[in-house]
Amino acid sequence: MDIANTSLKKQRHRRARLWAGSGVVVVLVVAVLIWRVGPALPQTSRASLWIDTVQRGDMLQEVRATGTLVPRSSRWLAAVTAAQVQEVHVWPGATVKPDTVLITLSNPEVEDNLRNAEALVAAADADVAAKRAELHSQALTERTALAQAESDLASARVKGEADAKAAALQVIPRVQYQQGLIALDQLGKRVAVEQERVDGFAATIKAQIDAAQARALQQRSTLLLRQRQADALQVRAGIDGVLQEVAVQEGAQVAIGANLARVARPDDLIARLLVPEIQAKDVALGMPVSVDTHNGNVDGAVQRIDPAVRNGSVQVDVLLTGKLPEGARPDLSVDGRIRIAVLHDVLFVARASAARQHGELKVFRMDAGDATGTRVPVRLGAVSVDRMQIVLGVNQGDRLIVSDTSSWDAYDRIRVQ
């Protein structure tokens, strides 16, 4: 009969519990190690990063803006009257003089109005001449009446003196003498009235002549207007320059005020920049500007700042003080850098894409050996076109990754190969 070995069974259970406990310990150790090591660091190529060293010194605070070169002296030529484009004589790019005819327009109504105005001026001039002759004749009539009255008065005085002597000798009745005195008095009053009439008519002559001349002047003004309208059918350049644009085609109908052509002086250009509205508040008149024409840089200064914001930008005109390079012409695209200020003895580094003036930013600082980068917060000061001032967070000589690191926002460290 077999006897059960209980001690062997106990050893087997003890060994199983020992192995189970060892497995639990190993799992715990591995878990602790994994927890301490953390997730695997992301790796990136050094060639794909922009790493810059924090420096101390003077930093230029600048605003960058794009724009174009535009003529400082240019003019749009507009239609003075509604008309039809008969012929275009000159095309863009041609050099023109002030009296160069660019476009010929036609409008029969304008020509008819000119002829009518000329006829009305001739009629008005004839009216002035006729009025002068009429008034001169009337003046002669008035003066004749005055001379007749004066003559009658003189005869009456002579007769009165004779009647006085005859009445004293009682040759004539005294009644006849008194009647002569009454007649003499009436003739004196008549002379006074005629003299007053002559004086008054002389005053009205000037008023009537002035009225006739005013009507003639009005007709002449109308004639000048009609003449200008007729002359405007020959569209002339008006200034020395280059024809930049012709906005119409032959045979087209144009309305009053429609733009026909643009002439500009290509040797006198300014830069017209579009500054983002957020940065425009820092721009002031007279600030120095460097304009890149993509064929050389030209110095200038802010001459005008548009008070209005259009499409998120503020228009800034820059007066160019330097010599323009070859190939500079109107409508050429340019880049401008407006110098806002010079910051002395500050920490600065190349500008990160997410940098905001006086804001905060998290960047990766390269550790010793340049093999890993650790995310650190920094406080920014002024931000320029390609530089940013660092107020707090890093020291001079630190190397920072300033390229876009948004793909590693979930990590505080990265490995650089």
Protein backbone atom coordinates (compact mmCIF):
# COMPACT_ATOMS: atom_id res chain seq x y z
CA MET A 1 0.00 0.00 0.00
CA ASP A 2 1.29 3.51 -1.06
CA ILE A 3 1.75 6.25 1.58
CA ALA A 4 1.17 9.96 0.54
CA ASN A 5 4.25 12.22 0.83
CA THR A 6 2.79 15.43 2.26
CA SER A 7 6.15 17.20 2.59
CA LEU A 8 6.78 17.04 -1.14
CA LYS A 9 3.43 18.60 -1.85
CA LYS A 10 4.17 21.44 0.55
CA GLN A 11 7.51 22.12 -1.12
CA ARG A 12 5.82 22.29 -4.49
CA HIS A 13 3.29 24.89 -3.21
CA ARG A 14 6.03 26.90 -1.52
CA ARG A 15 8.05 26.98 -4.74
CA ALA A 16 5.01 28.19 -6.74
CA ARG A 17 4.36 30.99 -4.27
CA LEU A 18 8.03 32.01 -4.43
CA TRP A 19 7.95 32.24 -8.23
CA ALA A 20 4.72 34.23 -8.14
CA GLY A 21 6.13 36.67 -5.62
CA SER A 22 9.31 37.08 -7.66
CA GLY A 23 7.22 37.85 -10.76
CA VAL A 24 5.27 40.49 -8.91
CA VAL A 25 8.51 42.11 -7.68
CA VAL A 26 9.96 42.12 -11.19
CA VAL A 27 6.79 43.73 -12.59
CA LEU A 28 6.85 46.38 -9.89
CA VAL A 29 10.54 47.14 -10.52
CA VAL A 30 9.95 47.44 -14.27
CA ALA A 31 6.93 49.70 -13.68
CA VAL A 32 8.96 51.99 -11.40
CA LEU A 33 11.77 52.17 -13.94
CA ILE A 34 9.34 53.01 -16.74
CA TRP A 35 7.66 55.64 -14.59
CA ARG A 36 11.00 57.25 -13.75
CA VAL A 37 12.26 57.25 -17.32
CA GLY A 38 8.96 58.61 -18.72
CA PRO A 39 7.89 58.49 -22.37
CA ALA A 40 10.54 58.27 -25.07
CA LEU A 41 11.94 61.66 -26.16
CA PRO A 42 10.98 62.80 -29.67
CA GLN A 43 13.92 63.09 -32.03
CA THR A 44 14.55 65.64 -34.75
CA SER A 45 17.29 66.55 -37.18
CA ARG A 46 19.51 69.51 -36.39
CA ALA A 47 19.31 70.57 -40.04
CA SER A 48 15.55 71.13 -39.70
CA LEU A 49 15.94 73.49 -36.73
CA TRP A 50 16.87 77.14 -36.46
CA ILE A 51 19.05 77.49 -33.38
CA ASP A 52 20.32 80.92 -32.33
CA THR A 53 22.48 82.15 -29.49
CA VAL A 54 21.21 84.77 -27.00
CA GLN A 55 23.33 87.92 -27.34
CA ARG A 56 23.65 91.16 -25.42
CA GLY A 57 24.05 94.48 -27.18
CA ASP A 58 22.17 97.05 -29.24
CA MET A 59 19.03 95.85 -31.03
CA LEU A 60 17.18 97.62 -33.84
CA GLN A 61 13.41 97.60 -33.38
CA GLU A 62 11.94 97.63 -36.89
CA VAL A 63 8.60 97.17 -38.62
CA ARG A 64 8.52 95.31 -41.91
CA ALA A 65 5.99 96.17 -44.62
CA THR A 66 5.49 95.40 -48.29
CA GLY A 67 4.49 97.94 -50.90
CA THR A 68 5.22 99.41 -54.31
CA LEU A 69 7.06 102.30 -55.88
CA VAL A 70 4.67 105.03 -57.04
CA PRO A 71 5.33 108.35 -58.80
CA ARG A 72 5.30 111.34 -56.49
CA SER A 73 4.01 113.44 -59.39
CA SER A 74 1.35 111.81 -61.56
CA ARG A 75 -2.03 112.67 -62.99
CA TRP A 76 -5.11 110.92 -64.25
CA LEU A 77 -6.60 112.50 -67.36
CA ALA A 78 -10.40 112.43 -67.24
CA ALA A 79 -13.10 113.09 -69.82
CA VAL A 80 -14.48 116.64 -69.54
CA THR A 81 -17.63 115.72 -71.49
CA ALA A 82 -19.36 112.56 -72.57
CA ALA A 83 -17.76 111.49 -75.84
CA GLN A 84 -16.62 108.64 -78.06
CA VAL A 85 -12.99 107.56 -78.30
CA GLN A 86 -12.05 108.26 -81.90
CA GLU A 87 -8.33 107.43 -81.86
CA VAL A 88 -5.57 106.52 -79.38
CA HIS A 89 -2.32 108.13 -80.55
CA VAL A 90 0.14 107.05 -77.81
CA TRP A 91 0.43 103.82 -75.84
CA PRO A 92 1.87 103.09 -72.35
CA GLY A 93 5.63 103.37 -72.02
CA ALA A 94 6.00 106.33 -74.39
CA THR A 95 7.70 109.53 -73.25
CA VAL A 96 5.34 112.50 -73.54
CA LYS A 97 5.46 116.28 -73.34
CA PRO A 98 2.75 118.55 -71.88
CA ASP A 99 1.23 119.24 -75.32
CA THR A 100 1.43 115.65 -76.60
CA VAL A 101 -2.01 114.52 -77.83
CA LEU A 102 -2.72 111.10 -76.34
CA ILE A 103 -6.34 110.47 -77.35
CA THR A 104 -8.80 112.11 -79.72
CA LEU A 105 -12.47 112.17 -78.67
CA SER A 106 -15.50 113.19 -80.69
CA ASN A 107 -18.80 114.77 -79.66
CA PRO A 108 -20.89 116.67 -82.30
CA GLU A 109 -22.94 118.35 -79.58
CA VAL A 110 -19.82 119.99 -78.14
CA GLU A 111 -18.91 121.41 -81.55
CA ASP A 112 -22.46 122.74 -82.07
CA ASN A 113 -22.40 124.35 -78.64
CA LEU A 114 -19.12 126.04 -79.50
CA ARG A 115 -20.52 127.55 -82.71
CA ASN A 116 -23.66 128.73 -80.90
CA ALA A 117 -21.55 130.34 -78.18
CA GLU A 118 -19.47 132.16 -80.77
CA ALA A 119 -22.64 133.51 -82.42
CA LEU A 120 -24.05 134.65 -79.06
CA VAL A 121 -20.82 136.49 -78.25
CA ALA A 122 -20.96 138.29 -81.61
CA ALA A 123 -24.58 139.26 -80.98
CA ALA A 124 -23.76 140.49 -77.47
CA ASP A 125 -20.91 142.63 -78.80
CA ALA A 126 -23.28 144.10 -81.41
CA ASP A 127 -25.83 144.86 -78.67
CA VAL A 128 -23.19 146.77 -76.71
CA ALA A 129 -22.27 148.83 -79.78
CA ALA A 130 -25.94 149.53 -80.59
CA LYS A 131 -26.65 150.50 -76.98
CA ARG A 132 -23.73 152.92 -77.01
CA ALA A 133 -25.05 154.58 -80.23
CA GLU A 134 -28.60 154.76 -78.89
CA LEU A 135 -27.55 156.28 -75.60
CA HIS A 136 -25.26 158.76 -77.35
CA SER A 137 -28.18 159.91 -79.54
CA GLN A 138 -30.43 160.31 -76.51
CA ALA A 139 -27.73 162.26 -74.71
CA LEU A 140 -27.45 164.62 -77.67
CA THR A 141 -31.23 165.15 -77.63
CA GLU A 142 -31.16 165.96 -73.92
CA ARG A 143 -28.28 168.40 -74.34
CA THR A 144 -30.09 170.05 -77.28
CA ALA A 145 -33.17 170.60 -75.14
CA LEU A 146 -30.97 172.10 -72.42
CA ALA A 147 -29.24 174.43 -74.93
CA GLN A 148 -32.64 175.57 -76.28
CA ALA A 149 -33.88 176.30 -72.77
CA GLU A 150 -30.74 178.28 -71.97
CA SER A 151 -31.12 180.23 -75.24
CA ASP A 152 -34.78 181.04 -74.44
CA LEU A 153 -33.76 182.17 -70.96
CA ALA A 154 -31.08 184.49 -72.35
CA SER A 155 -33.55 186.05 -74.83
CA ALA A 156 -36.09 186.54 -72.06
CA ARG A 157 -33.51 188.31 -69.92
CA VAL A 158 -32.63 190.71 -72.74
CA LYS A 159 -36.32 191.40 -73.33
CA GLY A 160 -36.90 191.83 -69.61
CA GLU A 161 -34.18 194.47 -69.37
CA ALA A 162 -35.73 196.35 -72.34
CA ASP A 163 -39.24 196.05 -70.87
CA ALA A 164 -37.97 197.40 -67.56
CA LYS A 165 -36.69 200.57 -69.22
CA ALA A 166 -39.84 200.91 -71.32
CA ALA A 167 -42.06 200.44 -68.27
CA ALA A 168 -40.07 203.10 -66.41
CA LEU A 169 -40.77 205.52 -69.26
CA GLN A 170 -44.36 204.27 -69.35
CA VAL A 171 -43.93 203.24 -72.97
CA ILE A 172 -45.47 199.83 -72.30
CA PRO A 173 -48.10 198.87 -69.79
CA ARG A 174 -46.83 197.67 -66.44
CA VAL A 175 -48.85 194.47 -66.84
CA GLN A 176 -46.84 193.54 -69.89
CA TYR A 177 -43.64 194.11 -67.93
CA GLN A 178 -44.83 191.86 -65.07
CA GLN A 179 -45.85 189.13 -67.53
CA GLY A 180 -42.30 189.26 -68.93
CA LEU A 181 -40.90 188.77 -65.45
CA ILE A 182 -43.14 185.69 -64.91
CA ALA A 183 -42.02 184.24 -68.25
CA LEU A 184 -38.38 184.87 -67.30
CA ASP A 185 -38.86 182.99 -64.02
CA GLN A 186 -40.48 180.03 -65.79
CA LEU A 187 -37.61 179.84 -68.29
CA GLY A 188 -35.10 179.79 -65.41
CA LYS A 189 -36.92 176.81 -63.85
CA ARG A 190 -37.08 175.10 -67.22
CA VAL A 191 -33.28 175.42 -67.63
CA ALA A 192 -32.79 173.90 -64.17
CA VAL A 193 -35.06 170.96 -65.03
CA GLU A 194 -33.29 170.35 -68.35
CA GLN A 195 -29.90 170.49 -66.62
CA GLU A 196 -31.07 167.96 -64.04
CA ARG A 197 -32.37 165.73 -66.83
CA VAL A 198 -29.03 165.86 -68.65
CA ASP A 199 -27.10 165.05 -65.45
CA GLY A 200 -29.44 162.18 -64.59
CA PHE A 201 -29.25 160.72 -68.09
CA ALA A 202 -25.44 160.82 -67.97
CA ALA A 203 -25.59 158.60 -64.88
CA THR A 204 -27.97 156.11 -66.51
CA ILE A 205 -25.71 155.83 -69.56
CA LYS A 206 -22.97 154.11 -67.51
CA ALA A 207 -25.48 151.73 -65.87
CA GLN A 208 -27.02 150.71 -69.19
CA ILE A 209 -23.61 150.25 -70.85
CA ASP A 210 -22.40 148.17 -67.85
CA ALA A 211 -25.52 145.96 -68.11
CA ALA A 212 -24.95 145.37 -71.82
CA GLN A 213 -21.27 144.63 -71.23
CA ALA A 214 -22.16 142.21 -68.41
CA ARG A 215 -24.41 140.28 -70.77
CA ALA A 216 -21.60 140.20 -73.31
CA LEU A 217 -19.14 139.03 -70.62
CA GLN A 218 -21.51 136.23 -69.64
CA GLN A 219 -21.64 135.09 -73.24
CA ARG A 220 -17.85 135.23 -73.43
CA SER A 221 -17.60 133.04 -70.30
CA THR A 222 -19.93 130.53 -71.92
CA LEU A 223 -17.77 130.67 -75.03
CA LEU A 224 -14.63 129.96 -72.98
CA LEU A 225 -16.37 126.97 -71.39
CA ARG A 226 -17.47 125.64 -74.77
CA GLN A 227 -13.97 126.24 -76.13
CA ARG A 228 -12.40 124.30 -73.25
CA GLN A 229 -14.83 121.46 -73.82
CA ALA A 230 -13.94 121.41 -77.50
CA ASP A 231 -10.21 121.58 -76.75
CA ALA A 232 -10.60 118.73 -74.24
CA LEU A 233 -11.62 116.44 -77.09
CA GLN A 234 -7.89 116.43 -77.80
CA VAL A 235 -6.60 114.76 -74.62
CA ARG A 236 -3.09 116.07 -73.90
CA ALA A 237 -0.51 114.81 -71.39
CA GLY A 238 -0.25 118.08 -69.45
CA ILE A 239 3.16 117.22 -67.89
CA ASP A 240 6.54 115.84 -68.90
CA GLY A 241 6.69 112.14 -68.13
CA VAL A 242 5.85 108.65 -69.29
CA LEU A 243 2.41 107.38 -70.20
CA GLN A 244 1.64 104.72 -67.58
CA GLU A 245 -1.81 103.54 -68.57
CA VAL A 246 -4.54 103.98 -71.18
CA ALA A 247 -7.89 103.01 -69.68
CA VAL A 248 -10.05 103.14 -72.85
CA GLN A 249 -10.20 101.60 -76.30
CA GLU A 250 -11.00 103.11 -79.66
CA GLY A 251 -14.72 103.30 -80.33
CA ALA A 252 -15.69 103.20 -76.64
CA GLN A 253 -18.20 105.64 -75.16
CA VAL A 254 -16.96 107.48 -72.07
CA ALA A 255 -18.95 109.43 -69.50
CA ILE A 256 -18.09 112.75 -67.89
CA GLY A 257 -15.26 112.27 -65.39
CA ALA A 258 -14.23 108.83 -66.70
CA ASN A 259 -10.49 108.15 -66.41
CA LEU A 260 -8.81 108.00 -69.82
CA ALA A 261 -5.06 107.79 -69.21
CA ARG A 262 -2.42 108.22 -66.50
CA VAL A 263 0.88 110.07 -66.94
CA ALA A 264 3.67 110.02 -64.36
CA ARG A 265 7.24 111.15 -63.86
CA PRO A 266 9.31 107.96 -63.58
CA ASP A 267 12.35 109.79 -62.22
CA ASP A 268 10.59 110.98 -59.05
CA LEU A 269 9.31 107.96 -57.10
CA ILE A 270 8.28 107.27 -53.52
CA ALA A 271 7.67 103.98 -51.72
CA ARG A 272 4.10 103.34 -50.62
CA LEU A 273 4.11 100.70 -47.88
CA LEU A 274 1.21 98.83 -46.27
CA VAL A 275 1.97 98.51 -42.55
CA PRO A 276 -0.15 96.04 -40.51
CA GLU A 277 -2.59 98.00 -38.35
CA ILE A 278 -1.25 96.41 -35.14
CA GLN A 279 2.26 97.76 -35.82
CA ALA A 280 1.21 101.08 -37.38
CA LYS A 281 0.78 102.68 -33.95
CA ASP A 282 4.58 102.67 -33.52
CA VAL A 283 5.29 104.45 -36.83
CA ALA A 284 5.85 108.22 -36.79
CA LEU A 285 6.77 110.89 -39.34
CA GLY A 286 10.46 111.22 -40.09
CA MET A 287 11.45 107.68 -39.03
CA PRO A 288 14.29 106.24 -41.16
CA VAL A 289 13.34 103.51 -43.62
CA SER A 290 15.35 101.02 -45.66
CA VAL A 291 13.57 100.05 -48.89
CA ASP A 292 14.58 96.82 -50.65
CA THR A 293 13.86 97.02 -54.40
CA HIS A 294 15.19 93.44 -54.89
CA ASN A 295 17.98 95.06 -56.88
CA GLY A 296 19.46 97.11 -54.07
CA ASN A 297 18.47 99.01 -50.94
CA VAL A 298 17.48 102.68 -50.84
CA ASP A 299 17.34 104.88 -47.73
CA GLY A 300 14.29 107.01 -47.03
CA ALA A 301 12.10 108.54 -44.34
CA VAL A 302 8.42 108.36 -43.45
CA GLN A 303 6.73 111.30 -45.18
CA ARG A 304 3.00 110.60 -44.70
CA ILE A 305 0.83 108.25 -42.66
CA ASP A 306 -2.72 107.61 -43.82
CA PRO A 307 -5.15 108.26 -40.95
CA ALA A 308 -7.50 105.49 -42.11
CA VAL A 309 -7.16 101.70 -41.91
CA ARG A 310 -7.98 99.80 -45.10
CA ASN A 311 -8.11 96.01 -45.26
CA GLY A 312 -6.15 95.67 -42.04
CA SER A 313 -3.27 97.92 -43.17
CA VAL A 314 -2.22 101.55 -42.87
CA GLN A 315 -0.71 103.23 -45.93
CA VAL A 316 2.67 104.87 -45.26
CA ASP A 317 4.48 106.99 -47.88
CA VAL A 318 8.28 106.97 -47.77
CA LEU A 319 10.33 109.76 -49.33
CA LEU A 320 13.40 108.17 -50.90
CA THR A 321 16.61 110.08 -50.16
CA GLY A 322 19.03 107.64 -51.78
CA LYS A 323 19.62 106.93 -55.45
CA LEU A 324 17.31 104.37 -57.00
CA PRO A 325 19.00 101.34 -58.58
CA GLU A 326 18.70 100.48 -62.24
CA GLY A 327 15.36 98.99 -63.16
CA ALA A 328 13.36 100.92 -60.55
CA ARG A 329 10.03 101.95 -62.03
CA PRO A 330 6.46 102.69 -60.97
CA ASP A 331 4.45 99.77 -59.51
CA LEU A 332 7.62 97.81 -58.69
CA SER A 333 7.09 95.63 -55.59
CA VAL A 334 9.36 96.53 -52.67
CA ASP A 335 9.93 95.61 -49.02
CA GLY A 336 10.44 98.28 -46.38
CA ARG A 337 11.96 98.18 -42.90
CA ILE A 338 10.92 101.13 -40.74
CA ARG A 339 13.29 101.76 -37.83
CA ILE A 340 11.20 102.37 -34.73
CA ALA A 341 13.96 102.61 -32.12
CA VAL A 342 17.43 101.43 -31.08
CA LEU A 343 17.46 99.44 -27.81
CA HIS A 344 20.81 99.61 -26.01
CA ASP A 345 22.39 96.85 -23.90
CA VAL A 346 19.57 94.29 -24.07
CA LEU A 347 19.37 90.52 -24.46
CA PHE A 348 18.08 89.46 -27.86
CA VAL A 349 17.86 86.48 -30.14
CA ALA A 350 16.46 85.69 -33.57
CA ARG A 351 12.68 86.15 -33.67
CA ALA A 352 10.49 83.09 -33.15
CA SER A 353 7.44 82.75 -35.37
CA ALA A 354 5.04 82.90 -32.39
CA ALA A 355 6.70 85.90 -30.72
CA ARG A 356 4.42 88.74 -29.60
CA GLN A 357 5.64 92.07 -28.25
CA HIS A 358 5.71 92.17 -24.42
CA GLY A 359 4.27 88.66 -24.32
CA GLU A 360 5.39 85.30 -23.00
CA LEU A 361 6.77 82.38 -25.00
CA LYS A 362 7.98 78.85 -24.33
CA VAL A 363 11.10 77.84 -26.23
CA PHE A 364 13.50 74.91 -26.15
CA ARG A 365 16.90 75.71 -24.67
CA MET A 366 19.71 73.44 -25.75
CA ASP A 367 21.33 71.58 -22.87
CA ALA A 368 25.06 71.05 -22.43
CA GLY A 369 26.37 69.10 -25.36
CA ASP A 370 23.64 70.36 -27.71
CA ALA A 371 22.07 66.89 -27.74
CA THR A 372 18.74 67.71 -26.05
CA GLY A 373 16.51 70.71 -25.65
CA THR A 374 14.46 71.59 -22.58
CA ARG A 375 11.37 73.79 -22.77
CA VAL A 376 11.70 77.01 -20.74
CA PRO A 377 9.33 80.00 -20.42
CA VAL A 378 10.68 83.43 -21.39
CA ARG A 379 9.24 86.90 -21.15
CA LEU A 380 9.65 89.11 -24.23
CA GLY A 381 10.14 92.83 -24.62
CA ALA A 382 10.24 94.57 -27.98
CA VAL A 383 9.82 92.46 -31.10
CA SER A 384 11.43 93.49 -34.37
CA VAL A 385 11.44 92.12 -37.91
CA ASP A 386 14.05 89.41 -37.23
CA ARG A 387 14.93 89.94 -33.56
CA MET A 388 13.13 89.73 -30.24
CA GLN A 389 14.19 91.16 -26.91
CA ILE A 390 14.27 88.76 -23.96
CA VAL A 391 13.52 90.29 -20.57
CA LEU A 392 13.47 87.19 -18.37
CA GLY A 393 13.99 83.43 -18.62
CA VAL A 394 17.38 82.84 -20.28
CA ASN A 395 20.91 84.20 -20.10
CA GLN A 396 23.49 85.47 -22.51
CA GLY A 397 25.09 82.62 -24.43
CA ASP A 398 22.10 80.27 -24.15
CA ARG A 399 21.20 78.54 -27.39
CA LEU A 400 17.47 78.54 -28.21
CA ILE A 401 15.42 76.79 -30.86
CA VAL A 402 13.54 79.66 -32.50
CA SER A 403 11.98 77.72 -35.39
CA ASP A 404 8.43 76.36 -35.18
CA THR A 405 8.14 73.72 -32.43
CA SER A 406 4.35 73.44 -32.26
CA SER A 407 4.52 69.73 -33.18
CA TRP A 408 6.23 69.06 -29.82
CA ASP A 409 3.82 70.97 -27.58
CA ALA A 410 3.15 67.77 -25.61
CA TYR A 411 6.83 67.37 -24.66
CA ASP A 412 9.10 69.32 -22.35
CA ARG A 413 12.27 67.85 -23.84
CA ILE A 414 13.40 66.82 -27.30
CA ARG A 415 16.45 65.02 -28.63
CA VAL A 416 18.48 66.64 -31.42
CA GLN A 417 20.60 64.52 -33.72
